Protein backbone atom coordinates (compact mmCIF):
# COMPACT_ATOMS: atom_id res chain seq x y z
CA MET A 1 103.76 127.52 211.27
CA ASN A 2 102.29 124.18 212.35
CA ILE A 3 104.41 121.48 210.76
CA ALA A 4 103.65 117.75 210.66
CA ILE A 5 106.58 115.40 211.28
CA GLY A 6 106.91 111.63 211.51
CA LYS A 7 108.22 108.56 209.76
CA PHE A 8 106.24 106.28 207.48
CA GLY A 9 106.66 102.66 208.53
CA GLY A 10 108.54 103.07 211.78
CA THR A 11 108.86 104.52 215.26
CA ILE A 12 111.09 107.52 215.85
CA THR A 13 113.22 106.91 218.93
CA PHE A 14 114.43 110.05 220.68
CA ASP A 15 115.93 108.23 223.67
CA SER A 16 119.50 107.58 222.52
CA ASN A 17 119.90 104.79 225.10
CA LYS A 18 117.59 102.71 222.91
CA TRP A 19 119.45 103.22 219.66
CA LYS A 20 120.79 99.93 218.37
CA SER A 21 124.11 101.50 217.44
CA ALA A 22 125.80 104.85 217.14
CA ILE A 23 126.04 104.28 213.38
CA GLY A 24 122.79 103.77 211.54
CA GLY A 25 119.46 105.12 210.39
CA ASN A 26 117.80 105.01 213.82
CA ARG A 27 119.55 108.31 214.64
CA ASP A 28 118.48 110.16 211.50
CA ALA A 29 114.91 111.29 212.19
CA PRO A 30 115.25 112.25 215.89
CA LEU A 31 118.45 114.19 215.31
CA LEU A 32 117.16 116.05 212.26
CA TYR A 33 113.83 116.93 213.89
CA THR A 34 115.64 118.08 217.03
CA LEU A 35 117.85 120.34 214.90
CA LEU A 36 114.82 121.63 213.02
CA ALA A 37 112.79 122.43 216.16
CA ASN A 38 115.73 124.09 217.90
CA ARG A 39 116.50 126.28 214.89
CA HIS A 40 112.81 127.24 214.43
CA PRO A 41 111.55 127.96 217.97
CA ASN A 42 108.57 129.99 216.70
CA ASP A 43 107.20 127.02 214.75
CA THR A 44 105.40 124.03 216.28
CA PHE A 45 106.21 120.52 215.11
CA TYR A 46 103.41 117.98 215.52
CA MET A 47 104.58 114.36 215.67
CA ILE A 48 101.84 112.59 213.68
CA GLY A 49 103.90 109.42 213.35
CA LYS A 50 104.74 106.93 216.07
CA SER A 51 107.54 107.81 218.47
CA ASP A 52 108.73 107.13 222.00
CA LEU A 53 107.97 110.69 223.16
CA ARG A 54 104.94 109.73 225.28
CA ASN A 55 107.02 107.16 227.14
CA ILE A 56 109.96 109.43 228.00
CA LYS A 57 109.82 110.93 231.48
CA PRO A 58 110.13 114.76 231.74
CA GLU A 59 113.54 114.61 233.43
CA ARG A 60 114.86 112.35 230.66
CA LYS A 61 113.46 114.69 228.00
CA LYS A 62 115.42 117.48 229.65
CA GLU A 63 118.61 115.37 229.58
CA LEU A 64 118.05 114.64 225.89
CA ASN A 65 117.34 118.32 225.13
CA ILE A 66 114.13 117.44 223.31
CA PRO A 67 112.65 120.79 222.19
CA LYS A 68 109.35 121.76 223.77
CA ASN A 69 107.95 122.81 220.40
CA ILE A 70 107.78 119.14 219.34
CA ILE A 71 104.28 117.99 220.26
CA ASP A 72 103.39 114.30 220.35
CA CYS A 73 99.96 113.71 218.80
CA PHE A 74 99.84 110.27 220.45
CA GLU A 75 100.15 111.66 223.97
CA GLY A 76 97.56 109.88 226.09
CA PHE A 77 96.98 107.02 223.63
CA LYS A 78 96.36 103.82 225.60
CA GLY A 79 95.82 101.40 222.74
CA ASN A 80 97.90 98.37 221.95
CA ASN A 81 98.98 96.77 218.69
CA LYS A 82 96.03 94.38 218.49
CA LYS A 83 92.74 94.65 216.63
CA PRO A 84 90.28 96.35 217.11
CA ARG A 85 92.54 98.99 218.70
CA LEU A 86 94.32 99.45 215.36
CA LYS A 87 91.37 101.34 213.90
CA GLU A 88 91.38 103.72 216.86
CA HIS A 89 95.10 104.16 216.37
CA THR A 90 94.62 105.17 212.71
CA VAL A 91 92.41 108.15 213.60
CA TYR A 92 93.85 109.06 217.02
CA ALA A 93 96.39 111.73 215.97
CA PHE A 94 93.93 113.31 213.53
CA ASN A 95 91.25 113.53 216.21
CA LYS A 96 93.75 114.94 218.70
CA LEU A 97 94.61 117.77 216.29
CA LYS A 98 90.94 118.39 215.64
CA GLU A 99 90.15 118.59 219.37
CA LYS A 100 92.88 121.18 219.87
CA ASN A 101 91.76 123.07 216.77
CA VAL A 102 95.22 122.75 215.20
CA LYS A 103 95.45 123.48 211.49
CA LEU A 104 98.55 121.96 209.96
CA ASP A 105 100.34 124.07 207.35
CA TYR A 106 102.65 121.49 205.79
CA GLY A 107 104.70 118.40 206.59
CA ILE A 108 108.30 117.20 206.60
CA LEU A 109 108.22 113.41 206.79
CA PHE A 110 110.78 110.60 206.69
CA LEU A 111 110.19 107.73 204.28
CA GLY A 112 110.25 104.15 205.49
CA PRO A 113 108.82 100.72 204.59
CA VAL A 114 105.23 100.76 203.30
CA SER A 115 102.88 98.56 201.26
CA SER A 116 100.13 99.35 198.76
CA ALA A 117 97.59 100.09 201.51
CA SER A 118 97.63 100.68 205.26
CA ILE A 119 94.07 101.70 206.24
CA GLU A 120 91.67 98.87 207.06
CA HIS A 121 88.53 98.55 204.89
CA PHE A 122 89.42 101.49 202.69
CA LEU A 123 91.25 100.73 199.45
CA THR A 124 89.75 98.18 197.08
CA LYS A 125 91.36 96.05 194.40
CA PRO A 126 90.06 96.03 190.81
CA SER A 127 88.05 92.95 191.84
CA GLY A 128 86.20 95.05 194.44
CA GLU A 129 87.79 93.25 197.38
CA TYR A 130 89.43 95.27 200.14
CA TYR A 131 93.18 95.25 200.55
CA ILE A 132 93.93 93.66 203.92
CA PRO A 133 96.86 95.65 205.37
CA TRP A 134 99.45 93.99 207.54
CA GLU A 135 99.14 95.08 211.16
CA CYS A 136 102.60 96.65 211.10
CA PHE A 137 101.50 99.02 208.33
CA GLU A 138 98.27 99.84 210.13
CA MET A 139 100.36 100.70 213.20
CA TYR A 140 103.12 102.71 211.54
CA VAL A 141 101.71 104.07 208.28
CA SER A 142 97.91 104.39 208.42
CA ASN A 143 97.94 107.25 210.97
CA ILE A 144 100.09 109.43 208.71
CA VAL A 145 98.19 108.52 205.53
CA TYR A 146 94.88 109.28 207.23
CA ILE A 147 95.97 112.78 208.29
CA LEU A 148 97.49 113.62 204.92
CA ASN A 149 94.37 112.47 203.08
CA LYS A 150 92.02 114.40 205.38
CA THR A 151 94.03 117.64 205.47
CA ASN A 152 95.53 117.62 201.95
CA ILE A 153 98.50 119.61 203.23
CA PRO A 154 101.61 119.92 201.05
CA TYR A 155 104.62 118.06 202.38
CA CYS A 156 108.11 117.00 201.46
CA THR A 157 109.77 113.72 202.31
CA ILE A 158 113.28 112.78 203.39
CA THR A 159 115.03 109.53 202.60
CA THR A 160 118.44 108.19 203.56
CA ASP A 161 117.61 104.77 202.07
CA SER A 162 117.18 104.16 198.35
CA ARG A 163 114.74 101.29 198.97
CA TYR A 164 111.94 103.73 199.79
CA THR A 165 111.80 105.41 196.40
CA PRO A 166 109.56 105.20 194.51
CA PHE A 167 107.09 105.51 197.40
CA LYS A 168 104.51 102.73 196.94
CA GLU A 169 101.67 103.72 199.30
CA GLU A 170 98.74 103.72 196.85
CA ASP A 171 96.05 104.83 199.33
CA LEU A 172 97.88 108.13 199.92
CA VAL A 173 96.28 110.64 197.56
CA ARG A 174 98.56 113.67 197.57
CA ARG A 175 102.19 112.95 196.82
CA ALA A 176 105.22 114.75 198.19
CA GLU A 177 106.11 118.06 196.56
CA PHE A 178 109.72 116.85 196.49
CA THR A 179 112.06 114.49 198.32
CA LEU A 180 115.36 115.38 200.00
CA SER A 181 117.78 112.50 199.56
CA GLN A 182 121.27 111.31 198.64
CA TYR A 183 120.77 110.91 194.88
CA ASN A 184 119.02 112.61 191.96
CA ILE A 185 116.16 110.61 190.44
CA LEU A 186 112.57 111.08 189.27
CA SER A 187 110.24 108.90 191.34
CA HIS A 188 107.24 107.63 189.31
CA GLU A 189 104.54 106.94 191.92
CA ARG A 190 101.23 105.13 191.50
CA HIS A 191 98.29 106.11 193.73
CA ILE A 192 94.52 106.61 193.87
CA LYS A 193 92.99 109.75 192.37
CA SER A 194 91.02 110.66 195.51
CA GLU A 195 89.48 109.13 198.63
CA THR A 196 86.30 108.45 196.62
CA ASP A 197 87.84 107.66 193.23
CA PHE A 198 90.15 104.66 193.31
CA THR A 199 91.31 105.15 189.73
CA ARG A 200 95.09 104.70 189.74
CA VAL A 201 97.06 107.71 188.52
CA TYR A 202 100.77 108.54 188.51
CA THR A 203 102.68 111.47 189.95
CA ASP A 204 106.36 112.17 189.35
CA VAL A 205 108.19 113.30 192.48
CA ASN A 206 111.56 114.99 192.11
CA VAL A 207 114.09 113.27 194.39
CA THR A 208 117.25 115.32 194.76
CA TYR A 209 120.64 115.14 196.44
CA ASN A 210 120.49 117.39 199.51
CA ASN A 211 123.35 116.23 201.76
CA MET A 212 121.06 114.00 203.81
CA GLU A 213 123.87 111.50 204.42
CA LYS A 214 125.48 114.18 206.58
CA ILE A 215 122.89 113.64 209.30
CA TYR A 216 125.67 111.34 210.51
CA PHE A 217 127.52 114.37 211.91
CA LEU A 218 124.72 115.70 214.12
CA ASN A 219 125.41 115.40 217.84
CA ARG A 220 128.99 114.26 217.23
CA LYS A 221 132.42 115.77 217.83
CA LYS A 222 135.28 115.36 215.40
CA HIS A 223 137.57 112.48 216.32
CA ASP A 224 141.16 113.19 217.28
CA ILE A 225 142.76 110.67 214.95
CA THR A 226 146.27 111.54 216.20
CA LYS A 227 145.48 109.31 219.19
CA TYR A 228 144.71 106.27 217.03
CA ASN A 229 147.20 103.49 216.41
CA LYS A 230 146.48 102.31 212.86
CA ASP A 231 147.75 98.73 212.86
CA ILE A 232 144.95 97.04 210.85
CA ASP A 233 145.36 97.39 207.09
CA ILE A 234 141.79 96.80 205.83
CA THR A 235 138.45 96.38 207.62
CA ILE A 236 135.06 96.36 205.89
CA ILE A 237 131.84 97.38 207.68
CA LEU A 238 129.01 96.15 205.47
CA ASN A 239 125.65 94.40 205.57
CA GLN A 240 124.71 92.07 202.76
CA GLY A 241 121.75 94.17 201.61
CA LEU A 242 118.92 92.45 199.67
CA ASN A 243 115.24 93.34 200.35
CA LYS A 244 115.03 95.72 197.36
CA ALA A 245 118.72 96.61 197.78
CA LEU A 246 121.89 95.38 196.12
CA ASP A 247 123.10 91.93 197.05
CA ARG A 248 126.55 93.06 198.12
CA GLY A 249 127.80 89.49 198.57
CA PRO A 250 129.08 88.79 195.03
CA LEU A 251 130.42 92.35 194.73
CA LEU A 252 132.38 92.02 197.97
CA LYS A 253 133.69 88.54 197.18
CA GLU A 254 135.13 89.91 193.93
CA TYR A 255 137.18 92.41 195.92
CA ILE A 256 138.31 90.57 199.03
CA LYS A 257 139.53 87.53 197.05
CA ASP A 258 141.69 85.36 199.35
CA ASN A 259 142.95 88.23 201.48
CA ASN A 260 142.68 88.11 205.25
CA ILE A 261 140.14 90.92 205.68
CA SER A 262 137.55 91.08 208.48
CA ILE A 263 133.97 91.95 207.48
CA TYR A 264 131.50 93.15 210.13
CA GLY A 265 127.75 93.24 209.44
CA LYS A 266 124.64 91.13 208.84
CA TRP A 267 124.95 88.34 206.26
CA LYS A 268 123.11 85.19 205.29
CA LYS A 269 124.08 82.11 207.25
CA GLU A 270 126.19 80.57 204.49
CA TYR A 271 128.59 83.52 204.49
CA TYR A 272 129.65 82.75 208.05
CA GLU A 273 131.25 79.53 206.80
CA ASP A 274 133.99 81.94 205.73
CA ASN A 275 135.59 83.01 209.03
CA ARG A 276 136.36 86.47 207.65
CA PHE A 277 132.67 87.30 208.06
CA LYS A 278 132.40 88.21 211.74
CA GLY A 279 128.73 89.20 211.93
CA PRO A 280 127.44 92.40 213.56
CA LYS A 281 129.34 93.85 216.51
CA PRO A 282 128.27 96.06 219.43
CA PHE A 283 129.33 99.61 218.68
CA ASN A 284 131.90 99.83 221.48
CA GLU A 285 133.76 96.89 219.92
CA LEU A 286 133.36 98.30 216.43
CA HIS A 287 134.66 101.65 217.63
CA ASP A 288 137.93 100.05 218.78
CA ILE A 289 138.36 98.31 215.43
CA LEU A 290 137.69 101.48 213.44
CA GLU A 291 140.30 103.38 215.44
CA LYS A 292 142.93 100.85 214.32
CA THR A 293 141.93 100.55 210.63
CA LYS A 294 143.75 102.31 207.78
CA TYR A 295 141.61 101.47 204.70
CA THR A 296 138.15 100.26 203.74
CA LEU A 297 135.96 99.58 200.72
CA ILE A 298 132.50 101.13 200.41
CA ILE A 299 129.69 99.54 198.37
CA PRO A 300 126.40 101.49 198.19
CA ILE A 301 123.00 100.17 199.28
CA ASN A 302 121.86 100.61 195.69
CA LYS A 303 123.74 101.42 192.52
CA GLY A 304 124.74 105.06 192.30
CA TRP A 305 123.76 106.30 195.76
CA VAL A 306 125.83 108.26 198.27
CA THR A 307 125.74 106.94 201.85
CA SER A 308 126.94 108.19 205.22
CA LYS A 309 129.59 105.45 205.27
CA PHE A 310 132.10 107.65 203.41
CA TRP A 311 131.89 110.32 206.12
CA GLU A 312 131.82 107.79 208.96
CA MET A 313 135.07 106.28 207.73
CA ILE A 314 137.05 109.50 207.21
CA ASP A 315 135.77 110.71 210.59
CA TYR A 316 137.69 107.74 212.05
CA GLY A 317 140.77 108.52 209.99
CA ILE A 318 140.11 105.64 207.57
CA ILE A 319 140.83 106.08 203.86
CA PRO A 320 137.72 104.79 202.02
CA PHE A 321 137.94 103.45 198.49
CA LEU A 322 134.73 103.68 196.51
CA HIS A 323 133.34 100.69 194.61
CA PRO A 324 132.52 101.54 190.96
CA TYR A 325 128.80 101.58 191.87
CA TYR A 326 129.27 104.21 194.58
CA ASP A 327 128.28 107.87 194.01
CA LEU A 328 127.89 107.62 190.24
CA GLN A 329 126.64 111.22 190.13
CA HIS A 330 129.81 112.46 191.90
CA HIS A 331 128.07 114.38 194.69
CA ILE A 332 131.03 113.78 197.02
CA LYS A 333 133.90 116.03 195.99
CA CYS A 334 136.61 113.64 197.11
CA PRO A 335 139.98 112.95 195.48
CA GLU A 336 139.49 110.92 192.31
CA PHE A 337 142.22 108.64 193.65
CA LEU A 338 139.57 107.03 195.88
CA ARG A 339 137.37 105.99 192.97
CA ILE A 340 138.44 102.55 191.78
CA ASN A 341 137.39 100.38 188.85
CA SER A 342 138.73 96.96 189.81
CA PRO A 343 140.08 94.86 192.70
CA GLU A 344 143.54 95.14 191.15
CA GLU A 345 143.38 98.93 191.33
CA PHE A 346 142.15 98.74 194.95
CA TYR A 347 145.16 96.75 196.15
CA LYS A 348 147.63 98.60 193.92
CA LYS A 349 146.65 101.94 195.48
CA ILE A 350 146.78 100.56 199.03
CA ASN A 351 150.27 99.12 198.41
CA MET A 352 151.42 102.43 196.97
CA LEU A 353 150.21 104.33 200.05
CA ASN A 354 151.77 101.81 202.42
CA ASN A 355 155.08 102.14 200.58
CA ASN A 356 154.89 105.94 200.53
CA PRO A 357 154.01 107.20 204.04
CA ASP A 358 154.26 110.85 202.93
CA LYS A 359 151.57 110.33 200.28
CA TYR A 360 149.42 108.46 202.78
CA GLU A 361 149.65 111.37 205.24
CA ILE A 362 148.88 113.97 202.55
CA LEU A 363 145.76 112.05 201.45
CA LEU A 364 144.63 111.48 205.04
CA SER A 365 145.11 115.17 205.82
CA HIS A 366 143.10 116.16 202.73
CA LEU A 367 140.23 113.92 203.82
CA GLN A 368 140.29 115.37 207.33
CA ASP A 369 140.02 118.85 205.81
CA MET A 370 136.75 117.74 204.20
CA LEU A 371 135.17 117.42 207.67
CA LEU A 372 133.76 120.94 207.96
CA ASP A 373 132.43 122.58 211.11
CA GLU A 374 129.10 123.28 209.35
CA TYR A 375 128.52 119.51 209.18
CA TYR A 376 128.96 118.94 212.92
CA ASN A 377 127.09 122.04 214.12
CA GLY A 378 124.14 121.41 211.79
CA ASP A 379 124.42 124.63 209.75
CA LEU A 380 124.60 122.82 206.42
CA LEU A 381 121.52 120.68 207.04
CA ASN A 382 119.64 123.59 208.54
CA ASN A 383 120.21 125.51 205.30
CA GLU A 384 118.89 122.55 203.29
CA LEU A 385 115.78 122.39 205.50
CA ASN A 386 115.26 126.16 205.38
CA ASN A 387 115.18 126.00 201.59
CA ALA A 388 112.65 123.16 201.72
CA MET A 389 110.47 125.02 204.21
CA LYS A 390 110.46 128.17 202.07
CA LYS A 391 109.23 126.14 199.09
CA LEU A 392 106.47 124.54 201.16
CA GLU A 393 105.42 127.88 202.64
CA LYS A 394 104.99 129.30 199.14
CA ILE A 395 102.72 126.38 198.25
CA CYS A 396 100.67 126.97 201.42
CA LYS A 397 100.04 130.56 200.35
């Protein structure tokens, strides 16, 4: 099978030296595609989105164990990010596939930030005027939209961020067959009827929980928490959110009250007037803090969603309490003790555990038992992807 891969609205960075942190979404796509290509050596994966593959030297690719069956469709592209090179960029990957006589069978694509239109001088408004795409969307979305519109291949999408559903790219004709995510929801998506008929129609895409938050475990080893000295009671690792996500500020303030709790993450300037808000930290510093922390509070990026933060925290031997908005569909089969309804309950449970070391150790041990080998070795996610691929293959036939 010839399978299209890529990320709408962003560059996929395979060189781990360039990842901004060891925790975060910049790891998701390269790690999952590497797993996929390694587990399916007889298939070829064509990178139709932007990536750093063409800039990685062969010896570095070998160090990174980048599978040879991942083919960069932008290999040889010399353009820059300025007009008029953007138009060439839009069609480059499609033309490369055409030159090599490659027929794509289906796609597995990550969702990212998009707008209503990404292709220059294509989609018109009801007034007859063209949408004028931002250059960033021409650079990181138009190339994928162009290929999907021209080939009409079936594809599924993957999202680890609730802000990208529903998918709002109106100039993309065919919608995903389904979306693998961290929540169950029906995505009602508006788009044009065809490349020649700009009538707006709607397609419902089934977005389902498929363990995608467990991408966190790929390329990691389980921490030996017996070596950690837990002398910090509570630490919270959290960004403020906003930009189509929850504003976590008021929710967090309700819980931290006047307690001396350190918060690490990105916040608006006014929050730093409170010296408990420390701002973002380099991962090596964050790592040392996590090793010492006993408890944390998790607030989702949007109401109801599961995130990787739960698994990140228990991997460090931290007991995470779940804000009432977190995992409303109960996809995580954790002890109900961790689900709290109020700040009072949060502190009451922490005090109880601190006063009862045996109960603390039993709970911590239970959480450690949740960290299964199939998460770290990729078997669980490979099974999820195999199921998705089988569905797409049936549609191809």
